[in-house]
Amino acid sequence: MIFRQYFLLLSTFLLLNVTAQFTQAEESDFANAALTPFWQAQPMIESMFFIQSTAEQPPSSRFLFKPSKILKVVSATQVTVFAEGRDYLLSDDGRSLTLPPDSRIPFKTQEEMFPLMTSEAPKIARQAGDKSRGIFFDNKAGYHQLQVEVTYECTPNQWQGPVPEYVGSALPNFMKKLRDKRPVKIFLSGDSISEGYNASDFTDATPRCPAYGELFALAVERKFGSPVTFKNFAVGGWQSSQGVQQATDEKLALEKPDLVIIAYGMNDVFRKDAAAYQNNIKQLIDIFRADSPDTEFILIATMLGNVEWGMPMEQFDLYRNALQQLTGQGIVLADLTSIWRELLKHKSFYDLTGNGVNHPNDCGHRFYAQVLMAMLSQN
C-alpha cells in the first residue's frame, strides 16, 4: 500500500495523511505510464492544447515527434474520443494537428490566452511586458478540460535532447533493498509541483492521474517488487528554506527514509540567489544524514516556468548547476530543467502545463516520473 501526504496551507500548515484509493487496474495503468520514458515510448502519448493565433489561421498544436500513424485522439479527461476529419486534421508537414470548423475539440484564441486585466476571464498578471493584460490561468482543472491526449506511432530515435543516465551505483543502499525486494520508504520534499498541483487526481478530475511522486512510487513497486511507503511533505508556495525548517521542526529524519526526493526551485528562482539555494539544499541533506546516515537523495532541477509570464528564465540553469555541484555518492540529480528546455523547442508550454504558469499537467507529471524511473533502470 502506498501512502501519500498532502499539506494544505490554511491559517497554519496542517499535515494530513491521505491513502490513495486506486483499483488494481488503475494502479497498473499509472505504474506502466511511468515505466517507459517518452523518448522510447511506442506508441507515444502526449498532450496538446490548441491556440488560434489569428482569425485567418485554424487552431493548431504541435507534436513532440513526427507521427507515422495516429491511433487515438481523446480529451484529457478521457471522456470524448475525437474523429479525424470531423474534429482534427493532420498538417501537410505531419508535425501538428489543426482544427476544422465545427470541431468538438476546444481551443483558445490569442486574445483569450492574454486577456485584458478588466476581463472576467481567469487570468494572472504578467510580471513583464504589457501590464494591461494577463495570462490565461487556472489552478484547478481548467487547462485539463481544454487539452487532448494523442496516441500515435512514430519512428524511433527522434528525441535529440538529454537522456538521464543510470545512477544505481550512486544509490547503493536504496538499490540493494530494491534488488532484495525489501520494503523501502520514499520521502518527497518540495513545492506545489511536488505537492501534486494540476495532476488530475489533485484537481479531482478524470482520469485521476496521480502526481509524479506517487507515480514514481507506484512504478518502483511494479518494476522491483519492493513494498513502497511514500510520504509527500511538499507544500505549495514553499521555497527551499521552508523545507529546511520543516525537516528540522518535524524531525523527519527520525523516520529513516531510504530515499528523499528534494524538489525546490520554481519559487526560489525569484530570489536570484543560487548560492543561498544551494546552501539550503545542502542543509536539508545534512539534517537527514545526521539522524539517518544511510538515507540517499535525488535532487530535482525543476521544469521551466512560462517565459511569457516574465519569469527569470536565466536563473533556472544556474539553480540546476548549483544542484549538480552537490551530487556525489548517495546524491544524484534529475535534470528536468534541461529536458524541459528541449521539450519546449518542439511543443508549446501550454501543451504541458496544468495552470498556464508553473505547474505540469498529467502528461508533465508522467514525464517527471519517467525521468526518475529511467535513472533507476539499466534497460
Protein backbone atom coordinates (compact mmCIF):
# COMPACT_ATOMS: atom_id res chain seq x y z
CA MET A 1 0.00 0.00 0.00
CA ILE A 2 1.31 3.38 -0.94
CA PHE A 3 0.60 6.31 1.34
CA ARG A 4 0.53 9.92 0.31
CA GLN A 5 0.60 13.03 2.49
CA TYR A 6 -0.60 16.39 1.30
CA PHE A 7 -0.01 19.68 3.06
CA LEU A 8 -2.80 22.24 2.95
CA LEU A 9 -1.99 25.87 3.59
CA LEU A 10 -4.71 27.29 5.85
CA SER A 11 -4.17 29.69 8.71
CA THR A 12 -1.42 27.27 9.72
CA PHE A 13 0.14 24.33 7.92
CA LEU A 14 -1.58 21.08 8.76
CA LEU A 15 -0.19 17.68 7.84
CA LEU A 16 -2.85 15.33 6.51
CA ASN A 17 -2.24 11.65 5.77
CA VAL A 18 -4.21 10.57 2.71
CA THR A 19 -4.30 6.99 1.49
CA ALA A 20 -4.51 6.68 -2.27
CA GLN A 21 -7.59 4.73 -3.28
CA PHE A 22 -6.96 3.27 -6.72
CA THR A 23 -8.23 0.00 -8.12
CA GLN A 24 -5.65 -2.60 -9.02
CA ALA A 25 -6.23 -1.93 -12.73
CA GLU A 26 -5.77 1.82 -12.27
CA GLU A 27 -2.57 1.31 -10.30
CA SER A 28 -1.29 -0.91 -13.08
CA ASP A 29 -2.07 1.68 -15.76
CA PHE A 30 -0.49 4.53 -13.81
CA ALA A 31 2.62 2.48 -12.97
CA ASN A 32 3.04 1.38 -16.58
CA ALA A 33 2.81 5.00 -17.73
CA ALA A 34 5.89 5.82 -15.66
CA LEU A 35 7.95 2.78 -16.61
CA THR A 36 8.65 3.63 -20.26
CA PRO A 37 10.25 7.04 -20.87
CA PHE A 38 8.70 9.21 -23.54
CA TRP A 39 11.88 9.13 -25.65
CA GLN A 40 11.47 5.34 -26.00
CA ALA A 41 7.67 5.06 -25.97
CA GLN A 42 5.88 3.06 -28.66
CA PRO A 43 3.21 4.22 -29.03
CA MET A 44 3.75 7.79 -27.87
CA ILE A 45 1.15 9.53 -25.71
CA GLU A 46 1.30 13.30 -25.34
CA SER A 47 -0.97 16.21 -24.52
CA MET A 48 -1.99 19.08 -26.78
CA PHE A 49 -3.56 22.49 -26.20
CA PHE A 50 -4.97 24.29 -29.25
CA ILE A 51 -4.47 28.01 -29.82
CA GLN A 52 -5.77 30.12 -32.71
CA SER A 53 -3.05 32.70 -33.34
CA THR A 54 -5.01 34.81 -35.85
CA ALA A 55 -8.54 34.84 -37.21
CA GLU A 56 -7.21 33.67 -40.58
CA GLN A 57 -5.47 30.58 -39.20
CA PRO A 58 -7.11 27.46 -37.77
CA PRO A 59 -6.35 26.49 -34.17
CA SER A 60 -3.31 24.22 -34.04
CA SER A 61 -0.93 22.34 -31.77
CA ARG A 62 2.45 20.69 -32.43
CA PHE A 63 3.63 17.12 -31.84
CA LEU A 64 6.78 16.33 -29.95
CA PHE A 65 7.68 13.69 -32.55
CA LYS A 66 6.53 13.29 -36.13
CA PRO A 67 3.87 10.57 -36.10
CA SER A 68 3.73 7.76 -38.62
CA LYS A 69 0.20 6.80 -37.60
CA ILE A 70 -2.29 8.48 -35.28
CA LEU A 71 -4.04 5.86 -33.16
CA LYS A 72 -6.32 7.93 -30.94
CA VAL A 73 -7.22 11.50 -30.04
CA VAL A 74 -9.17 11.78 -26.80
CA SER A 75 -9.99 14.51 -24.34
CA ALA A 76 -7.53 14.74 -21.46
CA THR A 77 -10.45 13.79 -19.22
CA GLN A 78 -10.70 10.52 -21.24
CA VAL A 79 -14.41 11.18 -21.79
CA THR A 80 -14.60 12.10 -25.51
CA VAL A 81 -12.93 10.33 -28.44
CA PHE A 82 -12.38 12.63 -31.40
CA ALA A 83 -12.58 11.70 -35.10
CA GLU A 84 -10.11 12.56 -37.84
CA GLY A 85 -11.63 14.84 -40.45
CA ARG A 86 -14.51 15.90 -38.26
CA ASP A 87 -12.52 17.09 -35.24
CA TYR A 88 -8.88 17.34 -36.35
CA LEU A 89 -6.65 17.31 -39.41
CA LEU A 90 -3.00 16.37 -39.79
CA SER A 91 -0.96 19.28 -41.15
CA ASP A 92 0.79 19.00 -44.51
CA ASP A 93 4.19 18.59 -42.86
CA GLY A 94 2.79 15.95 -40.49
CA ARG A 95 4.08 17.71 -37.37
CA SER A 96 0.93 19.28 -35.97
CA LEU A 97 -2.83 18.97 -35.78
CA THR A 98 -5.26 21.67 -36.85
CA LEU A 99 -8.95 22.02 -36.06
CA PRO A 100 -11.52 22.34 -38.84
CA PRO A 101 -14.68 24.44 -38.42
CA ASP A 102 -17.18 22.86 -36.01
CA SER A 103 -14.54 20.67 -34.37
CA ARG A 104 -15.55 19.40 -30.95
CA ILE A 105 -12.02 19.97 -29.64
CA PRO A 106 -11.84 23.15 -27.53
CA PHE A 107 -9.34 25.92 -28.24
CA LYS A 108 -8.37 29.42 -27.14
CA THR A 109 -7.77 32.50 -29.25
CA GLN A 110 -4.69 34.63 -28.74
CA GLU A 111 -6.85 37.27 -27.05
CA GLU A 112 -8.28 34.67 -24.68
CA MET A 113 -4.79 33.48 -23.79
CA PHE A 114 -3.77 37.03 -22.83
CA PRO A 115 -6.96 38.67 -21.56
CA LEU A 116 -7.26 42.32 -20.60
CA MET A 117 -6.98 42.78 -16.87
CA THR A 118 -10.51 44.15 -16.84
CA SER A 119 -11.80 40.88 -18.31
CA GLU A 120 -13.72 38.37 -16.20
CA ALA A 121 -11.71 35.50 -17.70
CA PRO A 122 -9.35 33.56 -15.41
CA LYS A 123 -6.04 35.38 -15.51
CA ILE A 124 -2.86 36.19 -13.72
CA ALA A 125 -0.97 39.44 -14.16
CA ARG A 126 2.14 39.46 -16.26
CA GLN A 127 5.31 40.32 -14.42
CA ALA A 128 6.82 41.88 -17.53
CA GLY A 129 5.62 43.42 -20.74
CA ASP A 130 2.10 44.73 -21.21
CA LYS A 131 0.75 45.33 -17.70
CA SER A 132 -2.76 45.77 -19.06
CA ARG A 133 -3.01 42.08 -19.90
CA GLY A 134 -2.72 38.83 -18.00
CA ILE A 135 -2.13 35.19 -18.89
CA PHE A 136 -4.99 32.70 -19.01
CA PHE A 137 -4.58 31.00 -15.64
CA ASP A 138 -6.47 28.24 -13.89
CA ASN A 139 -5.06 26.42 -10.89
CA LYS A 140 -7.77 23.77 -10.87
CA ALA A 141 -8.82 21.65 -13.86
CA GLY A 142 -9.36 24.42 -16.42
CA TYR A 143 -6.42 23.55 -18.65
CA HIS A 144 -7.06 19.83 -18.22
CA GLN A 145 -10.59 20.23 -19.56
CA LEU A 146 -9.28 22.05 -22.64
CA GLN A 147 -6.43 19.68 -23.51
CA VAL A 148 -6.45 16.46 -25.51
CA GLU A 149 -4.20 13.40 -25.41
CA VAL A 150 -2.92 11.97 -28.68
CA THR A 151 -1.65 8.41 -29.03
CA TYR A 152 0.47 7.74 -32.10
CA GLU A 153 3.12 5.53 -33.61
CA CYS A 154 6.39 7.14 -34.63
CA THR A 155 9.83 6.20 -35.87
CA PRO A 156 12.32 5.74 -33.03
CA ASN A 157 15.26 7.95 -32.06
CA GLN A 158 13.56 11.28 -32.77
CA TRP A 159 14.47 12.64 -29.34
CA GLN A 160 17.77 14.50 -29.57
CA GLY A 161 17.66 16.02 -26.11
CA PRO A 162 19.30 14.91 -22.85
CA VAL A 163 18.61 11.42 -21.53
CA PRO A 164 19.20 10.59 -17.84
CA GLU A 165 21.89 8.06 -17.09
CA TYR A 166 21.55 5.08 -14.78
CA VAL A 167 22.57 6.20 -11.28
CA GLY A 168 22.15 2.98 -9.34
CA SER A 169 25.81 2.78 -8.35
CA ALA A 170 25.48 6.18 -6.65
CA LEU A 171 22.45 4.97 -4.64
CA PRO A 172 23.80 1.64 -3.35
CA ASN A 173 21.69 1.39 -0.19
CA PHE A 174 18.39 2.09 -1.94
CA MET A 175 19.15 -0.12 -4.93
CA LYS A 176 20.26 -3.05 -2.76
CA LYS A 177 16.93 -3.01 -0.95
CA LEU A 178 15.13 -2.93 -4.30
CA ARG A 179 17.17 -5.83 -5.65
CA ASP A 180 16.38 -7.79 -2.48
CA LYS A 181 12.69 -6.83 -2.77
CA ARG A 182 12.76 -5.41 0.74
CA PRO A 183 10.36 -2.63 1.83
CA VAL A 184 11.56 0.90 1.08
CA LYS A 185 10.47 4.29 2.38
CA ILE A 186 10.48 7.28 0.00
CA PHE A 187 10.00 10.89 1.15
CA LEU A 188 9.32 13.89 -1.08
CA SER A 189 10.14 17.46 -0.02
CA GLY A 190 9.23 20.27 -2.38
CA ASP A 191 6.85 22.94 -3.60
CA SER A 192 3.45 22.91 -5.32
CA ILE A 193 4.65 20.83 -8.28
CA SER A 194 5.63 18.08 -5.87
CA GLU A 195 2.53 18.51 -3.74
CA GLY A 196 0.72 17.45 -6.88
CA TYR A 197 -0.83 20.61 -8.24
CA ASN A 198 -2.75 20.20 -11.51
CA ALA A 199 -2.37 16.46 -11.77
CA SER A 200 -5.94 15.33 -12.41
CA ASP A 201 -6.07 13.35 -9.16
CA PHE A 202 -5.15 16.51 -7.26
CA THR A 203 -7.87 18.53 -9.01
CA ASP A 204 -10.48 15.74 -8.61
CA ALA A 205 -10.84 15.25 -12.37
CA THR A 206 -10.79 12.12 -14.52
CA PRO A 207 -8.73 10.06 -15.14
CA ARG A 208 -7.37 10.91 -11.67
CA CYS A 209 -3.74 10.53 -12.67
CA PRO A 210 -1.54 10.81 -9.58
CA ALA A 211 1.21 13.42 -9.35
CA TYR A 212 4.74 12.42 -10.24
CA GLY A 213 5.83 11.43 -6.72
CA GLU A 214 3.11 8.84 -6.38
CA LEU A 215 3.56 7.72 -9.99
CA PHE A 216 7.21 7.11 -9.21
CA ALA A 217 6.35 5.11 -6.07
CA LEU A 218 3.82 3.00 -7.99
CA ALA A 219 6.37 2.35 -10.73
CA VAL A 220 9.09 1.37 -8.24
CA GLU A 221 6.74 -1.20 -6.71
CA ARG A 222 5.82 -2.53 -10.14
CA LYS A 223 9.36 -2.78 -11.50
CA PHE A 224 11.25 -4.03 -8.47
CA GLY A 225 8.60 -5.77 -6.38
CA SER A 226 9.54 -3.92 -3.19
CA PRO A 227 6.70 -2.67 -0.98
CA VAL A 228 6.90 1.14 -1.02
CA THR A 229 5.82 3.57 1.67
CA PHE A 230 5.62 7.01 0.07
CA LYS A 231 5.19 10.18 2.11
CA ASN A 232 4.76 13.56 0.47
CA PHE A 233 5.80 16.55 2.60
CA ALA A 234 5.67 19.10 -0.23
CA VAL A 235 3.76 22.37 0.30
CA GLY A 236 2.54 24.73 -2.39
CA GLY A 237 4.33 28.08 -2.48
CA TRP A 238 7.31 26.93 -0.48
CA GLN A 239 10.95 27.74 -1.10
CA SER A 240 13.88 25.54 -0.09
CA SER A 241 14.43 27.43 3.18
CA GLN A 242 10.98 26.38 4.35
CA GLY A 243 11.82 22.77 3.54
CA VAL A 244 14.85 23.06 5.80
CA GLN A 245 12.71 24.43 8.62
CA GLN A 246 10.11 21.71 8.16
CA ALA A 247 12.68 18.91 8.30
CA THR A 248 14.10 20.44 11.47
CA ASP A 249 10.80 21.08 13.23
CA GLU A 250 9.11 17.82 12.21
CA LYS A 251 12.27 15.73 12.78
CA LEU A 252 11.61 13.91 9.54
CA ALA A 253 14.96 12.12 9.58
CA LEU A 254 13.93 10.08 12.63
CA GLU A 255 11.70 8.03 10.31
CA LYS A 256 14.89 6.98 8.48
CA PRO A 257 13.69 7.12 4.88
CA ASP A 258 15.67 5.15 2.32
CA LEU A 259 15.32 7.81 -0.37
CA VAL A 260 14.48 11.52 -0.11
CA ILE A 261 13.50 13.37 -3.28
CA ILE A 262 14.20 17.10 -2.90
CA ALA A 263 12.43 19.28 -5.45
CA TYR A 264 12.54 23.03 -4.99
CA GLY A 265 13.39 25.83 -7.38
CA MET A 266 10.28 27.14 -9.12
CA ASN A 267 9.72 29.63 -6.30
CA ASP A 268 13.37 30.00 -5.32
CA VAL A 269 14.42 31.38 -8.73
CA PHE A 270 12.69 34.68 -7.98
CA ARG A 271 15.29 35.33 -5.28
CA LYS A 272 18.05 35.14 -7.93
CA ASP A 273 20.45 33.67 -5.39
CA ALA A 274 21.67 30.25 -6.50
CA ALA A 275 24.30 30.13 -3.73
CA ALA A 276 21.69 30.55 -1.00
CA TYR A 277 19.52 27.93 -2.69
CA GLN A 278 22.44 25.51 -2.82
CA ASN A 279 23.15 26.10 0.86
CA ASN A 280 19.52 25.38 1.77
CA ILE A 281 19.53 22.10 -0.15
CA LYS A 282 22.82 21.11 1.49
CA GLN A 283 21.36 21.88 4.92
CA LEU A 284 18.36 19.73 4.13
CA ILE A 285 20.60 16.83 3.13
CA ASP A 286 22.73 17.28 6.27
CA ILE A 287 19.66 17.29 8.51
CA PHE A 288 18.62 13.88 7.21
CA ARG A 289 22.13 12.45 7.27
CA ALA A 290 22.69 13.48 10.89
CA ASP A 291 20.00 11.07 12.12
CA SER A 292 19.77 8.75 9.13
CA PRO A 293 23.23 8.29 7.57
CA ASP A 294 22.05 5.60 5.13
CA THR A 295 19.45 7.85 3.52
CA GLU A 296 20.13 8.69 -0.13
CA PHE A 297 18.86 11.55 -2.25
CA ILE A 298 17.53 12.53 -5.66
CA LEU A 299 17.70 16.28 -6.28
CA ILE A 300 15.27 17.53 -8.92
CA ALA A 301 16.18 20.52 -11.06
CA THR A 302 12.72 21.91 -11.75
CA MET A 303 10.84 22.16 -15.02
CA LEU A 304 10.85 25.60 -16.63
CA GLY A 305 8.16 28.17 -15.92
CA ASN A 306 6.30 30.14 -18.56
CA VAL A 307 8.60 32.67 -20.25
CA GLU A 308 5.51 34.69 -21.20
CA TRP A 309 4.84 35.24 -17.50
CA GLY A 310 8.11 37.12 -17.21
CA MET A 311 9.91 34.57 -15.04
CA PRO A 312 13.69 34.99 -14.53
CA MET A 313 14.48 32.28 -17.08
CA GLU A 314 18.23 32.77 -16.84
CA GLN A 315 18.12 31.56 -13.24
CA PHE A 316 16.92 28.02 -13.96
CA ASP A 317 20.25 26.81 -15.35
CA LEU A 318 22.12 28.50 -12.50
CA TYR A 319 19.96 26.70 -9.96
CA ARG A 320 20.37 23.41 -11.83
CA ASN A 321 24.15 23.88 -11.77
CA ALA A 322 24.00 24.59 -8.04
CA LEU A 323 22.35 21.21 -7.50
CA GLN A 324 24.84 19.46 -9.75
CA GLN A 325 27.66 20.65 -7.51
CA LEU A 326 26.08 18.81 -4.57
CA THR A 327 25.98 15.41 -6.27
CA GLY A 328 28.22 12.53 -5.27
CA GLN A 329 27.87 9.18 -3.56
CA GLY A 330 24.32 8.97 -2.28
CA ILE A 331 23.19 12.17 -4.04
CA VAL A 332 22.10 12.29 -7.69
CA LEU A 333 20.48 14.88 -9.95
CA ALA A 334 17.29 14.53 -12.02
CA ASP A 335 17.74 17.30 -14.58
CA LEU A 336 14.18 18.20 -15.56
CA THR A 337 15.39 21.73 -16.37
CA SER A 338 17.39 20.58 -19.40
CA ILE A 339 14.73 18.12 -20.51
CA TRP A 340 12.01 20.79 -20.33
CA ARG A 341 14.17 23.19 -22.31
CA GLU A 342 14.38 20.64 -25.11
CA LEU A 343 10.67 19.81 -24.90
CA LEU A 344 9.81 23.47 -25.40
CA LYS A 345 11.79 23.58 -28.63
CA HIS A 346 9.12 21.33 -30.11
CA LYS A 347 5.96 21.92 -28.10
CA SER A 348 4.12 24.87 -26.67
CA PHE A 349 4.40 25.48 -22.93
CA TYR A 350 0.60 25.25 -22.87
CA ASP A 351 0.67 21.65 -24.10
CA LEU A 352 2.43 20.54 -20.92
CA THR A 353 1.12 22.91 -18.27
CA GLY A 354 -1.68 22.36 -15.81
CA ASN A 355 -2.19 26.02 -14.87
CA GLY A 356 -0.58 28.13 -17.60
CA VAL A 357 2.27 29.41 -15.46
CA ASN A 358 4.39 26.95 -13.48
CA HIS A 359 2.75 23.54 -12.97
CA PRO A 360 2.75 20.42 -15.16
CA ASN A 361 -0.40 18.67 -16.36
CA ASP A 362 -0.89 14.88 -16.30
CA CYS A 363 1.48 14.47 -19.22
CA GLY A 364 4.10 16.65 -17.49
CA HIS A 365 3.78 14.69 -14.25
CA ARG A 366 4.25 11.46 -16.22
CA PHE A 367 7.41 12.89 -17.80
CA TYR A 368 8.75 13.71 -14.32
CA ALA A 369 8.11 10.16 -13.11
CA GLN A 370 9.57 8.66 -16.28
CA VAL A 371 12.83 10.56 -15.80
CA LEU A 372 13.10 9.35 -12.20
CA MET A 373 12.43 5.76 -13.20
CA ALA A 374 14.92 5.92 -16.08
CA MET A 375 17.61 6.86 -13.56
CA LEU A 376 16.99 3.59 -11.70
CA SER A 377 16.74 1.40 -14.79
CA GLN A 378 19.58 -0.22 -16.66
CA ASN A 379 17.38 -1.27 -19.57
